[in-house]
N, C-alpha and C. Protein backbone atom coordinates (compact mmCIF):
# COMPACT_ATOMS: atom_id res chain seq x y z
N UNK A 1 4.28 16.74 19.99
CA UNK A 1 4.42 15.33 19.62
C UNK A 1 3.69 15.06 18.29
N UNK A 2 2.62 15.74 18.05
CA UNK A 2 1.89 15.54 16.78
C UNK A 2 2.76 15.86 15.59
N UNK A 3 3.61 16.90 15.72
CA UNK A 3 4.48 17.25 14.60
C UNK A 3 5.51 16.14 14.33
N UNK A 4 5.91 15.41 15.39
CA UNK A 4 6.84 14.29 15.16
C UNK A 4 6.18 13.20 14.32
N UNK A 5 4.89 12.95 14.55
CA UNK A 5 4.18 11.95 13.77
C UNK A 5 4.02 12.42 12.34
N UNK A 6 3.75 13.70 12.14
CA UNK A 6 3.62 14.23 10.77
C UNK A 6 4.95 14.11 10.04
N UNK A 7 6.03 14.51 10.70
CA UNK A 7 7.35 14.38 10.07
C UNK A 7 7.66 12.92 9.77
N UNK A 8 7.36 12.04 10.71
CA UNK A 8 7.60 10.60 10.51
C UNK A 8 6.77 10.09 9.32
N UNK A 9 5.52 10.53 9.23
CA UNK A 9 4.64 10.10 8.14
C UNK A 9 5.21 10.51 6.79
N UNK A 10 5.77 11.70 6.69
CA UNK A 10 6.37 12.14 5.42
C UNK A 10 7.59 11.30 5.08
N UNK A 11 8.40 10.99 6.08
CA UNK A 11 9.58 10.14 5.83
C UNK A 11 9.16 8.71 5.42
N UNK A 12 8.13 8.23 6.08
CA UNK A 12 7.65 6.86 5.74
C UNK A 12 7.06 6.86 4.33
N UNK A 13 6.36 7.91 3.93
CA UNK A 13 5.87 8.00 2.55
C UNK A 13 7.01 8.00 1.57
N UNK A 14 8.10 8.72 1.87
CA UNK A 14 9.27 8.72 1.00
C UNK A 14 9.89 7.34 0.95
N UNK A 15 9.99 6.68 2.10
CA UNK A 15 10.54 5.32 2.14
C UNK A 15 9.70 4.36 1.33
N UNK A 16 8.36 4.50 1.40
CA UNK A 16 7.46 3.66 0.61
C UNK A 16 7.63 3.90 -0.87
N UNK A 17 7.77 5.18 -1.26
CA UNK A 17 7.98 5.51 -2.66
C UNK A 17 9.28 4.92 -3.21
N UNK A 18 10.35 5.11 -2.45
CA UNK A 18 11.64 4.60 -2.88
C UNK A 18 11.61 3.07 -2.89
N UNK A 19 11.04 2.45 -1.87
CA UNK A 19 10.98 0.99 -1.81
C UNK A 19 10.13 0.42 -2.95
N UNK A 20 9.00 1.06 -3.23
CA UNK A 20 8.12 0.61 -4.32
C UNK A 20 8.82 0.69 -5.68
N UNK A 21 9.53 1.76 -5.89
CA UNK A 21 10.24 1.92 -7.17
C UNK A 21 11.44 0.99 -7.25
N UNK A 22 12.18 0.85 -6.15
CA UNK A 22 13.35 -0.02 -6.15
C UNK A 22 12.97 -1.46 -6.45
N UNK A 23 11.89 -1.93 -5.89
CA UNK A 23 11.44 -3.32 -6.15
C UNK A 23 11.06 -3.47 -7.62
N UNK A 24 10.40 -2.46 -8.19
CA UNK A 24 10.07 -2.52 -9.61
C UNK A 24 11.30 -2.58 -10.47
N UNK A 25 12.28 -1.77 -10.12
CA UNK A 25 13.54 -1.75 -10.90
C UNK A 25 14.26 -3.10 -10.79
N UNK A 26 14.28 -3.67 -9.58
CA UNK A 26 14.97 -4.95 -9.40
C UNK A 26 14.27 -6.05 -10.19
N UNK A 27 12.93 -6.09 -10.14
CA UNK A 27 12.18 -7.13 -10.84
C UNK A 27 12.34 -6.98 -12.35
N UNK A 28 12.41 -5.75 -12.83
CA UNK A 28 12.52 -5.49 -14.28
C UNK A 28 13.90 -4.97 -14.64
N UNK A 29 14.94 -5.53 -14.02
CA UNK A 29 16.29 -5.04 -14.17
C UNK A 29 16.77 -5.05 -15.63
N UNK A 30 16.42 -6.05 -16.37
CA UNK A 30 16.86 -6.10 -17.79
C UNK A 30 16.39 -4.87 -18.55
N UNK A 31 15.16 -4.46 -18.31
CA UNK A 31 14.66 -3.24 -19.00
C UNK A 31 15.38 -2.00 -18.50
N UNK A 32 15.48 -1.82 -17.20
CA UNK A 32 16.06 -0.61 -16.64
C UNK A 32 17.57 -0.55 -16.84
N UNK A 33 18.19 -1.68 -17.10
CA UNK A 33 19.63 -1.68 -17.37
C UNK A 33 19.90 -0.90 -18.67
N UNK A 34 19.02 -1.02 -19.63
CA UNK A 34 19.22 -0.28 -20.89
C UNK A 34 18.44 1.00 -20.94
N UNK A 35 17.63 1.31 -19.89
CA UNK A 35 16.88 2.56 -19.83
C UNK A 35 17.09 3.21 -18.45
N UNK A 36 18.33 3.40 -18.06
CA UNK A 36 18.68 3.87 -16.71
C UNK A 36 18.04 5.20 -16.39
N UNK A 37 17.85 6.06 -17.36
CA UNK A 37 17.25 7.36 -17.12
C UNK A 37 15.81 7.28 -16.63
N UNK A 38 15.13 6.17 -16.88
CA UNK A 38 13.73 6.01 -16.48
C UNK A 38 13.58 5.53 -15.04
N UNK A 39 14.67 5.18 -14.38
CA UNK A 39 14.58 4.65 -13.04
C UNK A 39 13.92 5.66 -12.08
N UNK A 40 14.26 6.92 -12.23
CA UNK A 40 13.70 7.97 -11.34
C UNK A 40 12.39 8.51 -11.81
N UNK A 41 11.91 8.12 -12.97
CA UNK A 41 10.68 8.68 -13.55
C UNK A 41 9.46 7.91 -13.01
N UNK A 42 9.17 8.08 -11.70
CA UNK A 42 8.09 7.37 -11.07
C UNK A 42 6.73 7.80 -11.58
N UNK A 43 6.62 8.98 -12.16
CA UNK A 43 5.36 9.46 -12.68
C UNK A 43 4.91 8.67 -13.92
N UNK A 44 5.80 7.89 -14.49
CA UNK A 44 5.43 7.06 -15.64
C UNK A 44 4.86 5.69 -15.22
N UNK A 45 4.76 5.50 -13.92
CA UNK A 45 4.23 4.23 -13.40
C UNK A 45 5.33 3.28 -13.04
N UNK A 46 4.93 2.22 -12.40
CA UNK A 46 5.85 1.19 -12.00
C UNK A 46 6.24 1.28 -10.55
N UNK A 47 5.29 0.99 -9.68
CA UNK A 47 5.55 0.95 -8.23
C UNK A 47 5.06 -0.39 -7.71
N UNK A 48 5.88 -1.08 -6.97
CA UNK A 48 5.52 -2.36 -6.38
C UNK A 48 4.88 -2.12 -5.02
N UNK A 49 3.71 -2.71 -4.79
CA UNK A 49 3.06 -2.57 -3.49
C UNK A 49 3.88 -3.23 -2.38
N UNK A 50 4.43 -4.39 -2.66
CA UNK A 50 5.23 -5.10 -1.67
C UNK A 50 6.53 -4.31 -1.39
N UNK A 51 7.11 -3.75 -2.41
CA UNK A 51 8.30 -2.93 -2.20
C UNK A 51 8.00 -1.67 -1.39
N UNK A 52 6.82 -1.09 -1.66
CA UNK A 52 6.41 0.10 -0.88
C UNK A 52 6.22 -0.27 0.58
N UNK A 53 5.59 -1.42 0.83
CA UNK A 53 5.40 -1.84 2.22
C UNK A 53 6.74 -2.06 2.91
N UNK A 54 7.65 -2.72 2.22
CA UNK A 54 8.98 -2.97 2.79
C UNK A 54 9.72 -1.67 3.04
N UNK A 55 9.63 -0.74 2.11
CA UNK A 55 10.29 0.56 2.26
C UNK A 55 9.71 1.37 3.43
N UNK A 56 8.40 1.33 3.58
CA UNK A 56 7.75 2.02 4.69
C UNK A 56 8.14 1.40 6.04
N UNK A 57 8.15 0.09 6.12
CA UNK A 57 8.51 -0.58 7.38
C UNK A 57 9.99 -0.29 7.72
N UNK A 58 10.86 -0.35 6.71
CA UNK A 58 12.27 -0.03 6.95
C UNK A 58 12.45 1.39 7.45
N UNK A 59 11.67 2.32 6.86
CA UNK A 59 11.80 3.71 7.30
C UNK A 59 11.26 3.89 8.72
N UNK A 60 10.23 3.16 9.10
CA UNK A 60 9.75 3.23 10.49
C UNK A 60 10.86 2.74 11.45
N UNK A 61 11.52 1.66 11.10
CA UNK A 61 12.59 1.14 11.93
C UNK A 61 13.74 2.15 12.03
N UNK A 62 14.12 2.75 10.92
CA UNK A 62 15.20 3.76 10.92
C UNK A 62 14.82 4.95 11.78
N UNK A 63 13.59 5.45 11.60
CA UNK A 63 13.15 6.58 12.39
C UNK A 63 13.10 6.26 13.88
N UNK A 64 12.63 5.07 14.21
CA UNK A 64 12.57 4.68 15.61
C UNK A 64 13.97 4.67 16.24
N UNK A 65 14.94 4.17 15.50
CA UNK A 65 16.32 4.18 16.02
C UNK A 65 16.88 5.59 16.12
N UNK A 66 16.60 6.39 15.11
CA UNK A 66 17.12 7.76 15.06
C UNK A 66 16.50 8.62 16.15
N UNK A 67 15.20 8.54 16.29
CA UNK A 67 14.46 9.38 17.26
C UNK A 67 14.43 8.78 18.66
N UNK A 68 14.98 7.55 18.80
CA UNK A 68 14.92 6.82 20.05
C UNK A 68 13.47 6.75 20.58
N UNK A 69 12.63 6.26 19.68
CA UNK A 69 11.20 6.16 19.95
C UNK A 69 10.78 4.72 19.69
N UNK A 70 9.89 4.15 20.47
CA UNK A 70 9.50 2.74 20.22
C UNK A 70 8.91 2.53 18.83
N UNK A 71 9.48 1.60 18.08
CA UNK A 71 9.06 1.34 16.71
C UNK A 71 7.59 0.89 16.68
N UNK A 72 7.16 0.09 17.65
CA UNK A 72 5.78 -0.39 17.67
C UNK A 72 4.80 0.73 17.86
N UNK A 73 5.09 1.66 18.75
CA UNK A 73 4.20 2.81 18.98
C UNK A 73 4.10 3.68 17.72
N UNK A 74 5.25 3.91 17.08
CA UNK A 74 5.29 4.69 15.85
C UNK A 74 4.50 3.98 14.75
N UNK A 75 4.68 2.67 14.58
CA UNK A 75 3.96 1.90 13.58
C UNK A 75 2.47 1.93 13.82
N UNK A 76 2.06 1.79 15.11
CA UNK A 76 0.63 1.85 15.42
C UNK A 76 0.03 3.21 15.06
N UNK A 77 0.77 4.28 15.32
CA UNK A 77 0.27 5.62 15.04
C UNK A 77 0.14 5.87 13.54
N UNK A 78 0.99 5.23 12.75
CA UNK A 78 1.00 5.45 11.29
C UNK A 78 0.15 4.43 10.53
N UNK A 79 -0.47 3.47 11.22
CA UNK A 79 -1.29 2.47 10.52
C UNK A 79 -2.42 3.09 9.71
N UNK A 80 -3.13 4.09 10.24
CA UNK A 80 -4.19 4.69 9.39
C UNK A 80 -3.66 5.28 8.09
N UNK A 81 -2.43 5.79 8.10
CA UNK A 81 -1.80 6.28 6.88
C UNK A 81 -1.62 5.15 5.88
N UNK A 82 -1.19 3.98 6.36
CA UNK A 82 -1.02 2.83 5.46
C UNK A 82 -2.36 2.42 4.87
N UNK A 83 -3.40 2.40 5.71
CA UNK A 83 -4.75 2.06 5.20
C UNK A 83 -5.22 3.04 4.15
N UNK A 84 -5.02 4.33 4.38
CA UNK A 84 -5.44 5.36 3.42
C UNK A 84 -4.66 5.20 2.10
N UNK A 85 -3.38 4.90 2.18
CA UNK A 85 -2.58 4.74 0.97
C UNK A 85 -3.02 3.51 0.17
N UNK A 86 -3.32 2.40 0.87
CA UNK A 86 -3.72 1.18 0.20
C UNK A 86 -5.10 1.37 -0.47
N UNK A 87 -6.02 2.03 0.23
CA UNK A 87 -7.34 2.29 -0.34
C UNK A 87 -7.20 3.19 -1.58
N UNK A 88 -6.35 4.21 -1.47
CA UNK A 88 -6.14 5.11 -2.61
C UNK A 88 -5.53 4.35 -3.79
N UNK A 89 -4.57 3.45 -3.50
CA UNK A 89 -3.96 2.66 -4.58
C UNK A 89 -5.01 1.78 -5.27
N UNK A 90 -5.86 1.09 -4.47
CA UNK A 90 -6.88 0.24 -5.06
C UNK A 90 -7.82 1.08 -5.98
N UNK A 91 -8.27 2.20 -5.47
CA UNK A 91 -9.21 3.00 -6.28
C UNK A 91 -8.51 3.65 -7.46
N UNK A 92 -7.20 3.99 -7.31
CA UNK A 92 -6.45 4.49 -8.44
C UNK A 92 -6.30 3.44 -9.52
N UNK A 93 -6.12 2.20 -9.12
CA UNK A 93 -6.03 1.11 -10.08
C UNK A 93 -7.36 0.90 -10.79
N UNK A 94 -8.45 1.12 -10.08
CA UNK A 94 -9.76 0.99 -10.70
C UNK A 94 -9.92 2.02 -11.83
N UNK A 95 -9.51 3.23 -11.54
CA UNK A 95 -9.62 4.31 -12.54
C UNK A 95 -8.68 4.08 -13.71
N UNK A 96 -7.48 3.56 -13.42
CA UNK A 96 -6.46 3.40 -14.44
C UNK A 96 -6.56 2.10 -15.21
N UNK A 97 -7.31 1.13 -14.69
CA UNK A 97 -7.45 -0.13 -15.41
C UNK A 97 -6.41 -1.17 -15.07
N UNK A 98 -5.64 -0.94 -14.00
CA UNK A 98 -4.69 -1.98 -13.58
C UNK A 98 -5.31 -2.78 -12.44
N UNK A 99 -4.81 -3.95 -12.18
CA UNK A 99 -5.34 -4.81 -11.13
C UNK A 99 -6.81 -5.10 -11.36
N UNK A 100 -7.17 -5.37 -12.59
CA UNK A 100 -8.56 -5.62 -12.94
C UNK A 100 -8.96 -7.07 -12.67
N UNK A 101 -10.25 -7.30 -12.57
CA UNK A 101 -10.74 -8.65 -12.31
C UNK A 101 -11.07 -9.41 -13.57
N UNK A 102 -11.37 -10.68 -13.40
CA UNK A 102 -11.76 -11.54 -14.52
C UNK A 102 -13.10 -11.08 -15.08
N UNK A 103 -13.29 -11.29 -16.39
CA UNK A 103 -14.59 -11.01 -17.00
C UNK A 103 -15.66 -11.90 -16.36
N UNK A 104 -16.84 -11.33 -16.12
CA UNK A 104 -17.90 -12.08 -15.44
C UNK A 104 -19.25 -11.62 -15.96
N UNK A 105 -20.19 -12.54 -15.93
CA UNK A 105 -21.56 -12.20 -16.33
C UNK A 105 -22.51 -12.17 -15.11
N UNK A 106 -21.94 -12.25 -13.90
CA UNK A 106 -22.78 -12.21 -12.70
C UNK A 106 -23.37 -10.82 -12.51
N UNK A 107 -24.44 -10.76 -11.74
CA UNK A 107 -25.15 -9.50 -11.49
C UNK A 107 -24.28 -8.48 -10.78
N UNK A 108 -23.29 -8.92 -10.01
CA UNK A 108 -22.46 -7.99 -9.26
C UNK A 108 -21.21 -7.54 -9.99
N UNK A 109 -21.05 -8.01 -11.22
CA UNK A 109 -19.89 -7.57 -12.01
C UNK A 109 -20.06 -6.10 -12.43
N UNK A 110 -18.95 -5.39 -12.45
CA UNK A 110 -18.97 -3.98 -12.83
C UNK A 110 -18.17 -3.79 -14.13
N UNK A 111 -18.61 -2.85 -14.91
CA UNK A 111 -17.88 -2.54 -16.14
C UNK A 111 -16.53 -1.96 -15.79
N UNK A 112 -15.51 -2.46 -16.44
CA UNK A 112 -14.16 -1.97 -16.19
C UNK A 112 -13.24 -2.27 -17.36
N UNK A 113 -12.16 -1.47 -17.45
CA UNK A 113 -11.16 -1.65 -18.48
C UNK A 113 -9.97 -2.44 -17.94
N UNK A 114 -9.33 -3.22 -18.81
CA UNK A 114 -8.08 -3.82 -18.42
C UNK A 114 -6.94 -2.91 -18.87
N UNK A 115 -5.70 -3.37 -18.71
CA UNK A 115 -4.55 -2.52 -19.03
C UNK A 115 -4.42 -2.27 -20.55
N UNK A 116 -5.14 -3.02 -21.35
CA UNK A 116 -5.12 -2.79 -22.81
C UNK A 116 -6.30 -1.94 -23.27
N UNK A 117 -7.14 -1.50 -22.34
CA UNK A 117 -8.28 -0.67 -22.66
C UNK A 117 -9.53 -1.40 -23.04
N UNK A 118 -9.56 -2.74 -22.91
CA UNK A 118 -10.71 -3.53 -23.27
C UNK A 118 -11.75 -3.45 -22.12
N UNK A 119 -12.93 -2.97 -22.44
CA UNK A 119 -14.01 -2.86 -21.45
C UNK A 119 -14.83 -4.15 -21.43
N UNK A 120 -15.19 -4.57 -20.22
CA UNK A 120 -16.03 -5.73 -20.05
C UNK A 120 -16.60 -5.67 -18.61
N UNK A 121 -17.66 -6.42 -18.36
CA UNK A 121 -18.12 -6.60 -17.02
C UNK A 121 -17.15 -7.52 -16.31
N UNK A 122 -16.65 -7.07 -15.14
CA UNK A 122 -15.58 -7.76 -14.48
C UNK A 122 -15.85 -7.93 -12.98
N UNK A 123 -15.18 -8.88 -12.36
CA UNK A 123 -15.17 -9.00 -10.90
C UNK A 123 -14.53 -7.71 -10.38
N UNK A 124 -15.20 -6.98 -9.50
CA UNK A 124 -14.66 -5.67 -9.06
C UNK A 124 -13.53 -5.82 -8.01
N UNK A 125 -12.39 -6.31 -8.46
CA UNK A 125 -11.27 -6.61 -7.57
C UNK A 125 -10.84 -5.35 -6.80
N UNK A 126 -10.74 -4.23 -7.49
CA UNK A 126 -10.29 -3.00 -6.83
C UNK A 126 -11.25 -2.54 -5.76
N UNK A 127 -12.56 -2.55 -6.06
CA UNK A 127 -13.55 -2.14 -5.09
C UNK A 127 -13.58 -3.08 -3.89
N UNK A 128 -13.44 -4.39 -4.15
CA UNK A 128 -13.35 -5.34 -3.04
C UNK A 128 -12.11 -5.10 -2.19
N UNK A 129 -10.98 -4.84 -2.82
CA UNK A 129 -9.74 -4.58 -2.08
C UNK A 129 -9.84 -3.34 -1.25
N UNK A 130 -10.40 -2.26 -1.82
CA UNK A 130 -10.57 -1.01 -1.05
C UNK A 130 -11.52 -1.19 0.11
N UNK A 131 -12.62 -1.93 -0.13
CA UNK A 131 -13.62 -2.14 0.93
C UNK A 131 -13.08 -2.99 2.04
N UNK A 132 -12.39 -4.09 1.70
CA UNK A 132 -11.81 -4.94 2.73
C UNK A 132 -10.74 -4.19 3.55
N UNK A 133 -9.96 -3.36 2.87
CA UNK A 133 -8.95 -2.57 3.59
C UNK A 133 -9.61 -1.61 4.55
N UNK A 134 -10.66 -0.94 4.09
CA UNK A 134 -11.39 -0.02 4.98
C UNK A 134 -11.96 -0.77 6.19
N UNK A 135 -12.49 -1.94 5.99
CA UNK A 135 -13.04 -2.71 7.11
C UNK A 135 -11.95 -3.11 8.07
N UNK A 136 -10.80 -3.54 7.57
CA UNK A 136 -9.68 -3.92 8.45
C UNK A 136 -9.20 -2.73 9.29
N UNK A 137 -9.02 -1.58 8.64
CA UNK A 137 -8.55 -0.40 9.37
C UNK A 137 -9.60 0.06 10.40
N UNK A 138 -10.87 -0.01 10.02
CA UNK A 138 -11.94 0.39 10.95
C UNK A 138 -11.95 -0.55 12.16
N UNK A 139 -11.88 -1.87 11.90
CA UNK A 139 -11.91 -2.82 13.01
C UNK A 139 -10.70 -2.63 13.95
N UNK A 140 -9.53 -2.36 13.35
CA UNK A 140 -8.36 -2.14 14.19
C UNK A 140 -8.45 -0.85 14.98
N UNK A 141 -9.05 0.16 14.36
CA UNK A 141 -9.25 1.41 15.12
C UNK A 141 -10.18 1.17 16.30
N UNK A 142 -11.24 0.41 16.04
CA UNK A 142 -12.20 0.09 17.10
C UNK A 142 -11.55 -0.77 18.20
N UNK A 143 -10.77 -1.75 17.78
CA UNK A 143 -10.13 -2.68 18.75
C UNK A 143 -8.84 -2.10 19.33
N UNK A 144 -8.31 -1.09 18.70
CA UNK A 144 -7.02 -0.55 19.16
C UNK A 144 -7.00 -0.03 20.54
N UNK A 145 -8.17 0.43 21.04
CA UNK A 145 -8.23 0.91 22.40
C UNK A 145 -8.07 -0.25 23.40
N UNK A 146 -8.25 -1.46 22.96
CA UNK A 146 -8.15 -2.62 23.82
C UNK A 146 -6.80 -3.33 23.68
N UNK A 147 -6.04 -2.99 22.65
CA UNK A 147 -4.73 -3.63 22.42
C UNK A 147 -3.66 -2.77 23.12
N UNK A 148 -2.99 -3.37 24.08
CA UNK A 148 -2.02 -2.59 24.89
C UNK A 148 -0.56 -2.86 24.49
N UNK A 149 -0.31 -3.84 23.65
CA UNK A 149 1.06 -4.17 23.26
C UNK A 149 1.47 -3.28 22.08
N UNK A 150 2.51 -2.43 22.26
CA UNK A 150 2.93 -1.54 21.17
C UNK A 150 3.35 -2.36 19.94
N UNK A 151 2.85 -1.99 18.80
CA UNK A 151 3.20 -2.63 17.54
C UNK A 151 2.29 -3.77 17.15
N UNK A 152 1.50 -4.28 18.06
CA UNK A 152 0.61 -5.40 17.74
C UNK A 152 -0.48 -4.99 16.77
N UNK A 153 -1.04 -3.79 16.97
CA UNK A 153 -2.06 -3.32 16.06
C UNK A 153 -1.50 -3.17 14.63
N UNK A 154 -0.30 -2.60 14.53
CA UNK A 154 0.33 -2.40 13.23
C UNK A 154 0.65 -3.77 12.59
N UNK A 155 1.10 -4.73 13.39
CA UNK A 155 1.42 -6.06 12.85
C UNK A 155 0.16 -6.75 12.34
N UNK A 156 -0.92 -6.67 13.11
CA UNK A 156 -2.20 -7.27 12.67
C UNK A 156 -2.68 -6.56 11.41
N UNK A 157 -2.56 -5.24 11.41
CA UNK A 157 -2.98 -4.46 10.24
C UNK A 157 -2.19 -4.82 8.98
N UNK A 158 -0.88 -4.93 9.10
CA UNK A 158 -0.08 -5.30 7.93
C UNK A 158 -0.35 -6.73 7.48
N UNK A 159 -0.62 -7.61 8.42
CA UNK A 159 -1.01 -8.95 8.05
C UNK A 159 -2.34 -8.91 7.29
N UNK A 160 -3.33 -8.19 7.79
CA UNK A 160 -4.59 -8.06 7.09
C UNK A 160 -4.46 -7.47 5.71
N UNK A 161 -3.65 -6.40 5.59
CA UNK A 161 -3.45 -5.77 4.27
C UNK A 161 -2.74 -6.74 3.33
N UNK A 162 -1.81 -7.53 3.86
CA UNK A 162 -1.11 -8.51 3.03
C UNK A 162 -2.05 -9.59 2.56
N UNK A 163 -2.95 -10.04 3.42
CA UNK A 163 -3.91 -11.07 3.03
C UNK A 163 -4.81 -10.53 1.93
N UNK A 164 -5.26 -9.26 2.05
CA UNK A 164 -6.11 -8.69 1.00
C UNK A 164 -5.33 -8.62 -0.32
N UNK A 165 -4.08 -8.20 -0.28
CA UNK A 165 -3.27 -8.16 -1.51
C UNK A 165 -3.09 -9.55 -2.11
N UNK A 166 -2.87 -10.53 -1.23
CA UNK A 166 -2.68 -11.88 -1.70
C UNK A 166 -3.95 -12.42 -2.39
N UNK A 167 -5.09 -12.17 -1.75
CA UNK A 167 -6.37 -12.66 -2.31
C UNK A 167 -6.65 -12.00 -3.65
């Protein structure tokens, strides 16, 4: 059964990648209409977090139908993967200078670059996002033993991750 979860995780990762790129292409359709060859060049950047979430959820639903396995149970099992991906994305943005915070002179501000390479002390948005995501996943792991409704843990987790992205 563990191999089924590993296979499902790989498919969900592929769904998230395709969904993230598809959303970016749709939002920036005017650009990609004249640069169609760049649509598949995901290594050049351009992935939507919301599109990735939608693609991953869609793939979980497809797999659940295909494997005749409860979607909620599958989603609950794959929630730690979603948390690890979101934390990795936040920290990757910190290194790359995307999703940067406002310039700040407070003692807790950290030096960081924006997407134009300008360094300044900034609100550490990426570090806050990664930390809040870690706390949410940890709390759900702790509480998960008490949640008996399949899919509820995943739904709460996705709601929490969405709130962190929104903030």
